[in-house]
Every structure is written in structure tokens, then in C-alpha cells.
Amino acid sequence: MEYDSRYSKKEFYWGLKPHNLVVDSIQHLPSNAKVLDLGCGEGKASFFLAKNNFDVTAIDFSEEGIKKLNEFAKKENLKIKADVSDVKSYLQDCEKFDAIFAMNVLQFIGPKNIFTVIEKIQSKTNPNGLNVIASFVAENPRQKKVVLSKDRYFFDEGELRELYKDWKILFYEEKLGDWETHGEPKHRHFLVKLIAQKK
């Protein structure tokens, strides 16, 4: 598995600094809120949330990612419930949460499942709870076609906002991201970021 080999190395592939969206979102959450980190990777968002005294559950399909998360959490004395699972399967029968974080994971879900997954994320969120999402937007029809052929999904412009039209949008942004490398040639993505509160 692609990410198992990346996460098996000693250093943290994505680093330990939480995404700005995760940091900004917690002002809207009650203390001790029950939160879910979907596609947590090696755990950088989960670590930040646990340090801020939230009740954290983290899932990822990478065994190496979850193993690394558990080792770091134990060393730092952070309480995180972590499990190896894919997003769609986990959401079928899980409990409800006060916030669900989907940080750069939805682009890996194919077109057959993406809207079901978003509906599940929304239905598994308690009233007044948050959905915090960072994902990719297709820059043009050609890119969208290539992505779909790989059984992945990039949103169209404005599409994620429309999917949350019945929620209170606390933050929404679509823009070209910063240059990145993380083990690949220098590149940047057209990103969508959302913090929405269930009414």
C-alpha cells in the first residue's frame, strides 16, 4: 500500500503541525466535544485535538499510519481511540460525533461513493456539530476526467458549498494552494476548505 511505505519511516511524512482549518475550527466546539478524524494519516490533527482535551477517535486505512499514531500518542500521553478502517465502512455503523474532520481524504473516494460518504458524514454529526473539510477542486474538465478514471473525485467549483446549503457555513474558501513537495516533484493543488455547522 502506497501510504504504508511512506508512514513506515521514522519521520512524520506530513509533519506534526495541524492544518490551519483544524486550529481555527475548535473555537466553535464545546469543551470535551466528541470528534472524529477521518483518514487521519499519522495523526497530526488528532494529536492537536487530543492536546486540546477533545474526545478523539481517529481512523485510517493505513496500518502503518495508525501504528505510528498510537506510538506517538502513548509517548505524549494523549488519549486517542484509533482504528484501521476505510472511511465508507467506518461510517456505516459508527456513533454520532460533535465534529467530523475530513482533512485531505475525500479526494481518494471514487465518484460512486463520494456523495454517500458526505451524506453519512452529515448524518453522523450531532445537531450544532461541525464538519471540517479540506479537499481538492478540479481545475479544468481534462483534470476531472483523469481523476475520475483513477476512481478518485475532485469537486467542481462551488460544489461542496452546495452540498452544505442546509448548514450554517462558518468558513468557505476555494483557491490555489501553496507549492508543495512532500516527496514528489514541486506542485500545487486547487483547494476547497469548509467549516460548516449543522442546524
C-alpha atoms as a PDB file:
ATOM      1  CA  MET A   1       0.000   0.000   0.000  1.00  0.00           C
ATOM      2  CA  GLU A   2       1.320   3.405  -1.073  1.00  0.00           C
ATOM      3  CA  TYR A   3       0.937   5.173   2.256  1.00  0.00           C
ATOM      4  CA  ASP A   4       2.137   2.266   4.403  1.00  0.00           C
ATOM      5  CA  SER A   5       5.617   2.627   2.895  1.00  0.00           C
ATOM      6  CA  ARG A   6       5.560   6.400   3.450  1.00  0.00           C
ATOM      7  CA  TYR A   7       4.330   6.141   7.024  1.00  0.00           C
ATOM      8  CA  SER A   8       6.732   3.331   7.983  1.00  0.00           C
ATOM      9  CA  LYS A   9       9.662   5.764   8.028  1.00  0.00           C
ATOM     10  CA  LYS A  10      10.732   7.358  11.309  1.00  0.00           C
ATOM     11  CA  GLU A  11       9.930  10.953  10.375  1.00  0.00           C
ATOM     12  CA  PHE A  12       6.333  12.102  10.022  1.00  0.00           C
ATOM     13  CA  TYR A  13       5.557  12.269   6.291  1.00  0.00           C
ATOM     14  CA  TRP A  14       3.067  15.150   6.691  1.00  0.00           C
ATOM     15  CA  GLY A  15       4.808  16.663   9.729  1.00  0.00           C
ATOM     16  CA  LEU A  16       3.156  17.331  13.085  1.00  0.00           C
ATOM     17  CA  LYS A  17       1.767  20.838  12.532  1.00  0.00           C
ATOM     18  CA  PRO A  18      -2.047  20.695  12.329  1.00  0.00           C
ATOM     19  CA  HIS A  19      -3.887  22.194   9.356  1.00  0.00           C
ATOM     20  CA  ASN A  20      -4.942  25.816   9.965  1.00  0.00           C
ATOM     21  CA  LEU A  21      -8.548  24.790   9.383  1.00  0.00           C
ATOM     22  CA  VAL A  22      -8.386  22.330  12.300  1.00  0.00           C
ATOM     23  CA  VAL A  23      -6.872  25.004  14.560  1.00  0.00           C
ATOM     24  CA  ASP A  24      -9.474  27.595  13.545  1.00  0.00           C
ATOM     25  CA  SER A  25     -12.421  25.218  13.963  1.00  0.00           C
ATOM     26  CA  ILE A  26     -12.049  24.410  17.652  1.00  0.00           C
ATOM     27  CA  GLN A  27     -13.293  27.849  18.744  1.00  0.00           C
ATOM     28  CA  HIS A  28     -16.735  26.644  17.599  1.00  0.00           C
ATOM     29  CA  LEU A  29     -16.664  23.436  19.676  1.00  0.00           C
ATOM     30  CA  PRO A  30     -17.691  22.887  23.296  1.00  0.00           C
ATOM     31  CA  SER A  31     -15.023  21.580  25.649  1.00  0.00           C
ATOM     32  CA  ASN A  32     -14.699  17.779  25.702  1.00  0.00           C
ATOM     33  CA  ALA A  33     -16.530  17.516  22.365  1.00  0.00           C
ATOM     34  CA  LYS A  34     -16.506  14.064  20.770  1.00  0.00           C
ATOM     35  CA  VAL A  35     -14.641  14.331  17.459  1.00  0.00           C
ATOM     36  CA  LEU A  36     -13.779  12.016  14.575  1.00  0.00           C
ATOM     37  CA  ASP A  37     -10.667  12.378  12.420  1.00  0.00           C
ATOM     38  CA  LEU A  38     -11.409  10.562   9.141  1.00  0.00           C
ATOM     39  CA  GLY A  39      -8.367   9.482   7.131  1.00  0.00           C
ATOM     40  CA  CYS A  40      -6.138  10.647   9.979  1.00  0.00           C
ATOM     41  CA  GLY A  41      -2.863   9.523   8.368  1.00  0.00           C
ATOM     42  CA  GLU A  42      -0.141   9.621  11.013  1.00  0.00           C
ATOM     43  CA  GLY A  43      -2.337  11.690  13.323  1.00  0.00           C
ATOM     44  CA  LYS A  44      -1.300  15.342  13.229  1.00  0.00           C
ATOM     45  CA  ALA A  45      -4.891  16.623  13.546  1.00  0.00           C
ATOM     46  CA  SER A  46      -5.731  14.009  16.182  1.00  0.00           C
ATOM     47  CA  PHE A  47      -2.712  14.974  18.287  1.00  0.00           C
ATOM     48  CA  PHE A  48      -3.729  18.636  18.249  1.00  0.00           C
ATOM     49  CA  LEU A  49      -7.351  17.812  19.123  1.00  0.00           C
ATOM     50  CA  ALA A  50      -6.341  15.468  21.949  1.00  0.00           C
ATOM     51  CA  LYS A  51      -3.964  18.099  23.369  1.00  0.00           C
ATOM     52  CA  ASN A  52      -6.957  20.440  23.484  1.00  0.00           C
ATOM     53  CA  ASN A  53      -8.925  17.931  25.584  1.00  0.00           C
ATOM     54  CA  PHE A  54     -11.356  16.707  22.953  1.00  0.00           C
ATOM     55  CA  ASP A  55     -12.564  13.091  22.944  1.00  0.00           C
ATOM     56  CA  VAL A  56     -10.791  11.907  19.782  1.00  0.00           C
ATOM     57  CA  THR A  57     -11.476   8.916  17.532  1.00  0.00           C
ATOM     58  CA  ALA A  58      -9.145   8.512  14.541  1.00  0.00           C
ATOM     59  CA  ILE A  59      -9.374   6.139  11.598  1.00  0.00           C
ATOM     60  CA  ASP A  60      -7.228   5.445   8.545  1.00  0.00           C
ATOM     61  CA  PHE A  61      -6.855   2.541   6.126  1.00  0.00           C
ATOM     62  CA  SER A  62      -3.056   2.543   6.628  1.00  0.00           C
ATOM     63  CA  GLU A  63      -1.936   0.150   9.363  1.00  0.00           C
ATOM     64  CA  GLU A  64       1.448   1.900   9.485  1.00  0.00           C
ATOM     65  CA  GLY A  65      -0.252   5.268   9.963  1.00  0.00           C
ATOM     66  CA  ILE A  66      -2.352   4.010  12.880  1.00  0.00           C
ATOM     67  CA  LYS A  67       0.636   2.225  14.413  1.00  0.00           C
ATOM     68  CA  LYS A  68       2.677   5.450  14.267  1.00  0.00           C
ATOM     69  CA  LEU A  69      -0.239   7.445  15.713  1.00  0.00           C
ATOM     70  CA  ASN A  70      -0.600   5.023  18.627  1.00  0.00           C
ATOM     71  CA  GLU A  71       3.125   5.041  19.394  1.00  0.00           C
ATOM     72  CA  PHE A  72       3.307   8.849  19.401  1.00  0.00           C
ATOM     73  CA  ALA A  73       0.086   9.210  21.424  1.00  0.00           C
ATOM     74  CA  LYS A  74       1.434   6.800  24.047  1.00  0.00           C
ATOM     75  CA  LYS A  75       4.746   8.660  24.239  1.00  0.00           C
ATOM     76  CA  GLU A  76       2.981  12.022  24.597  1.00  0.00           C
ATOM     77  CA  ASN A  77       0.306  10.631  26.938  1.00  0.00           C
ATOM     78  CA  LEU A  78      -2.515  11.571  24.555  1.00  0.00           C
ATOM     79  CA  LYS A  79      -5.798   9.690  24.708  1.00  0.00           C
ATOM     80  CA  ILE A  80      -6.915   8.774  21.171  1.00  0.00           C
ATOM     81  CA  LYS A  81      -9.091   5.859  20.071  1.00  0.00           C
ATOM     82  CA  ALA A  82      -7.551   4.758  16.768  1.00  0.00           C
ATOM     83  CA  ASP A  83      -8.636   2.086  14.323  1.00  0.00           C
ATOM     84  CA  VAL A  84      -7.667   0.757  10.897  1.00  0.00           C
ATOM     85  CA  SER A  85     -10.669   1.199   8.599  1.00  0.00           C
ATOM     86  CA  ASP A  86     -11.697   2.814   5.344  1.00  0.00           C
ATOM     87  CA  VAL A  87     -13.957   5.857   5.562  1.00  0.00           C
ATOM     88  CA  LYS A  88     -17.062   4.366   3.933  1.00  0.00           C
ATOM     89  CA  SER A  89     -17.062   1.178   6.049  1.00  0.00           C
ATOM     90  CA  TYR A  90     -16.461   3.030   9.300  1.00  0.00           C
ATOM     91  CA  LEU A  91     -19.300   5.495   8.740  1.00  0.00           C
ATOM     92  CA  GLN A  92     -21.856   2.723   8.223  1.00  0.00           C
ATOM     93  CA  ASP A  93     -22.244   1.810  11.892  1.00  0.00           C
ATOM     94  CA  CYS A  94     -20.315   4.369  13.933  1.00  0.00           C
ATOM     95  CA  GLU A  95     -21.813   6.531  16.677  1.00  0.00           C
ATOM     96  CA  LYS A  96     -22.525  10.255  16.235  1.00  0.00           C
ATOM     97  CA  PHE A  97     -19.943  12.976  16.823  1.00  0.00           C
ATOM     98  CA  ASP A  98     -19.860  16.667  17.710  1.00  0.00           C
ATOM     99  CA  ALA A  99     -17.369  17.254  14.900  1.00  0.00           C
ATOM    100  CA  ILE A 100     -16.110  15.230  11.972  1.00  0.00           C
ATOM    101  CA  PHE A 101     -12.844  16.187  10.306  1.00  0.00           C
ATOM    102  CA  ALA A 102     -12.090  15.048   6.741  1.00  0.00           C
ATOM    103  CA  MET A 103      -8.722  16.600   6.014  1.00  0.00           C
ATOM    104  CA  ASN A 104      -7.485  15.788   2.516  1.00  0.00           C
ATOM    105  CA  VAL A 105      -9.146  12.370   2.378  1.00  0.00           C
ATOM    106  CA  LEU A 106     -12.266  12.877   0.234  1.00  0.00           C
ATOM    107  CA  GLN A 107     -10.248  13.152  -2.991  1.00  0.00           C
ATOM    108  CA  PHE A 108      -9.373   9.463  -2.573  1.00  0.00           C
ATOM    109  CA  ILE A 109     -13.025   8.377  -2.617  1.00  0.00           C
ATOM    110  CA  GLY A 110     -14.407   7.484  -6.035  1.00  0.00           C
ATOM    111  CA  PRO A 111     -17.455   9.016  -7.756  1.00  0.00           C
ATOM    112  CA  LYS A 112     -19.675   6.024  -6.898  1.00  0.00           C
ATOM    113  CA  ASN A 113     -19.200   6.594  -3.149  1.00  0.00           C
ATOM    114  CA  ILE A 114     -18.339  10.259  -2.597  1.00  0.00           C
ATOM    115  CA  PHE A 115     -21.885  11.584  -2.166  1.00  0.00           C
ATOM    116  CA  THR A 116     -22.944   8.654   0.030  1.00  0.00           C
ATOM    117  CA  VAL A 117     -19.893   9.310   2.211  1.00  0.00           C
ATOM    118  CA  ILE A 118     -20.732  13.017   2.547  1.00  0.00           C
ATOM    119  CA  GLU A 119     -24.343  12.175   3.430  1.00  0.00           C
ATOM    120  CA  LYS A 120     -23.045   9.764   6.096  1.00  0.00           C
ATOM    121  CA  ILE A 121     -20.634  12.370   7.477  1.00  0.00           C
ATOM    122  CA  GLN A 122     -23.550  14.790   7.760  1.00  0.00           C
ATOM    123  CA  SER A 123     -25.932  12.244   9.322  1.00  0.00           C
ATOM    124  CA  LYS A 124     -23.303  11.127  11.861  1.00  0.00           C
ATOM    125  CA  THR A 125     -22.889  14.721  13.084  1.00  0.00           C
ATOM    126  CA  ASN A 126     -24.868  15.861  16.136  1.00  0.00           C
ATOM    127  CA  PRO A 127     -27.083  18.998  15.909  1.00  0.00           C
ATOM    128  CA  ASN A 128     -24.891  22.135  16.184  1.00  0.00           C
ATOM    129  CA  GLY A 129     -21.898  19.923  15.391  1.00  0.00           C
ATOM    130  CA  LEU A 130     -19.219  20.715  12.841  1.00  0.00           C
ATOM    131  CA  ASN A 131     -17.961  19.247   9.591  1.00  0.00           C
ATOM    132  CA  VAL A 132     -14.437  20.408   8.791  1.00  0.00           C
ATOM    133  CA  ILE A 133     -13.269  19.516   5.292  1.00  0.00           C
ATOM    134  CA  ALA A 134     -10.221  20.192   3.147  1.00  0.00           C
ATOM    135  CA  SER A 135     -10.195  18.639  -0.308  1.00  0.00           C
ATOM    136  CA  PHE A 136      -9.355  19.230  -3.962  1.00  0.00           C
ATOM    137  CA  VAL A 137     -11.200  21.082  -6.714  1.00  0.00           C
ATOM    138  CA  ALA A 138     -10.829  20.165 -10.390  1.00  0.00           C
ATOM    139  CA  GLU A 139      -9.045  22.956 -12.255  1.00  0.00           C
ATOM    140  CA  ASN A 140     -10.494  22.001 -15.643  1.00  0.00           C
ATOM    141  CA  PRO A 141     -12.601  19.270 -17.339  1.00  0.00           C
ATOM    142  CA  ARG A 142      -9.497  17.412 -18.515  1.00  0.00           C
ATOM    143  CA  GLN A 143      -8.115  17.078 -14.982  1.00  0.00           C
ATOM    144  CA  LYS A 144     -11.539  15.988 -13.716  1.00  0.00           C
ATOM    145  CA  LYS A 145     -11.678  13.262 -16.377  1.00  0.00           C
ATOM    146  CA  VAL A 146      -8.205  11.957 -15.442  1.00  0.00           C
ATOM    147  CA  VAL A 147      -9.079  11.921 -11.737  1.00  0.00           C
ATOM    148  CA  LEU A 148     -12.361  10.080 -12.337  1.00  0.00           C
ATOM    149  CA  SER A 149     -10.527   7.489 -14.451  1.00  0.00           C
ATOM    150  CA  LYS A 150      -8.397   6.727 -11.364  1.00  0.00           C
ATOM    151  CA  ASP A 151     -11.579   6.226  -9.282  1.00  0.00           C
ATOM    152  CA  ARG A 152     -10.995   9.404  -7.293  1.00  0.00           C
ATOM    153  CA  TYR A 153     -13.026  12.593  -7.012  1.00  0.00           C
ATOM    154  CA  PHE A 154     -12.197  16.306  -7.199  1.00  0.00           C
ATOM    155  CA  PHE A 155     -15.100  18.695  -6.557  1.00  0.00           C
ATOM    156  CA  ASP A 156     -16.332  21.211  -9.113  1.00  0.00           C
ATOM    157  CA  GLU A 157     -16.156  24.874  -8.135  1.00  0.00           C
ATOM    158  CA  GLY A 158     -18.903  25.669  -5.626  1.00  0.00           C
ATOM    159  CA  GLU A 159     -19.989  22.026  -5.380  1.00  0.00           C
ATOM    160  CA  LEU A 160     -19.060  21.425  -1.753  1.00  0.00           C
ATOM    161  CA  ARG A 161     -20.796  24.650  -0.681  1.00  0.00           C
ATOM    162  CA  GLU A 162     -23.956  23.447  -2.443  1.00  0.00           C
ATOM    163  CA  LEU A 163     -23.772  20.113  -0.597  1.00  0.00           C
ATOM    164  CA  TYR A 164     -23.816  22.098   2.684  1.00  0.00           C
ATOM    165  CA  LYS A 165     -26.522  24.608   1.676  1.00  0.00           C
ATOM    166  CA  ASP A 166     -28.753  23.485   4.585  1.00  0.00           C
ATOM    167  CA  TRP A 167     -25.942  24.006   7.121  1.00  0.00           C
ATOM    168  CA  LYS A 168     -24.549  27.223   8.582  1.00  0.00           C
ATOM    169  CA  ILE A 169     -21.313  27.892   6.675  1.00  0.00           C
ATOM    170  CA  LEU A 170     -18.766  29.306   9.139  1.00  0.00           C
ATOM    171  CA  PHE A 171     -15.886  29.340   6.653  1.00  0.00           C
ATOM    172  CA  TYR A 172     -15.608  28.542   2.951  1.00  0.00           C
ATOM    173  CA  GLU A 173     -12.710  29.103   0.580  1.00  0.00           C
ATOM    174  CA  GLU A 174     -11.630  27.844  -2.816  1.00  0.00           C
ATOM    175  CA  LYS A 175      -8.171  28.842  -4.007  1.00  0.00           C
ATOM    176  CA  LEU A 176      -4.890  27.618  -5.423  1.00  0.00           C
ATOM    177  CA  GLY A 177      -2.778  26.242  -2.579  1.00  0.00           C
ATOM    178  CA  ASP A 178       0.880  26.814  -1.760  1.00  0.00           C
ATOM    179  CA  TRP A 179       3.673  24.983  -3.550  1.00  0.00           C
ATOM    180  CA  GLU A 180       4.321  21.557  -2.008  1.00  0.00           C
ATOM    181  CA  THR A 181       6.931  18.822  -2.379  1.00  0.00           C
ATOM    182  CA  HIS A 182       6.410  16.063   0.292  1.00  0.00           C
ATOM    183  CA  GLY A 183       8.480  13.502  -1.617  1.00  0.00           C
ATOM    184  CA  GLU A 184       7.095  14.391  -5.045  1.00  0.00           C
ATOM    185  CA  PRO A 185       8.002  16.982  -7.712  1.00  0.00           C
ATOM    186  CA  LYS A 186       7.032  20.534  -6.731  1.00  0.00           C
ATOM    187  CA  HIS A 187       3.301  21.006  -7.292  1.00  0.00           C
ATOM    188  CA  ARG A 188       0.206  22.808  -6.031  1.00  0.00           C
ATOM    189  CA  HIS A 189      -3.482  21.950  -5.792  1.00  0.00           C
ATOM    190  CA  PHE A 190      -6.693  23.910  -6.236  1.00  0.00           C
ATOM    191  CA  LEU A 191      -8.208  23.502  -2.771  1.00  0.00           C
ATOM    192  CA  VAL A 192     -11.575  23.806  -1.095  1.00  0.00           C
ATOM    193  CA  LYS A 193     -11.837  24.399   2.660  1.00  0.00           C
ATOM    194  CA  LEU A 194     -15.033  24.292   4.680  1.00  0.00           C
ATOM    195  CA  ILE A 195     -16.176  24.660   8.268  1.00  0.00           C
ATOM    196  CA  ALA A 196     -19.933  24.094   8.499  1.00  0.00           C
ATOM    197  CA  GLN A 197     -22.295  23.784  11.463  1.00  0.00           C
ATOM    198  CA  LYS A 198     -25.334  21.528  11.439  1.00  0.00           C
ATOM    199  CA  LYS A 199     -28.562  23.385  12.171  1.00  0.00           C
END
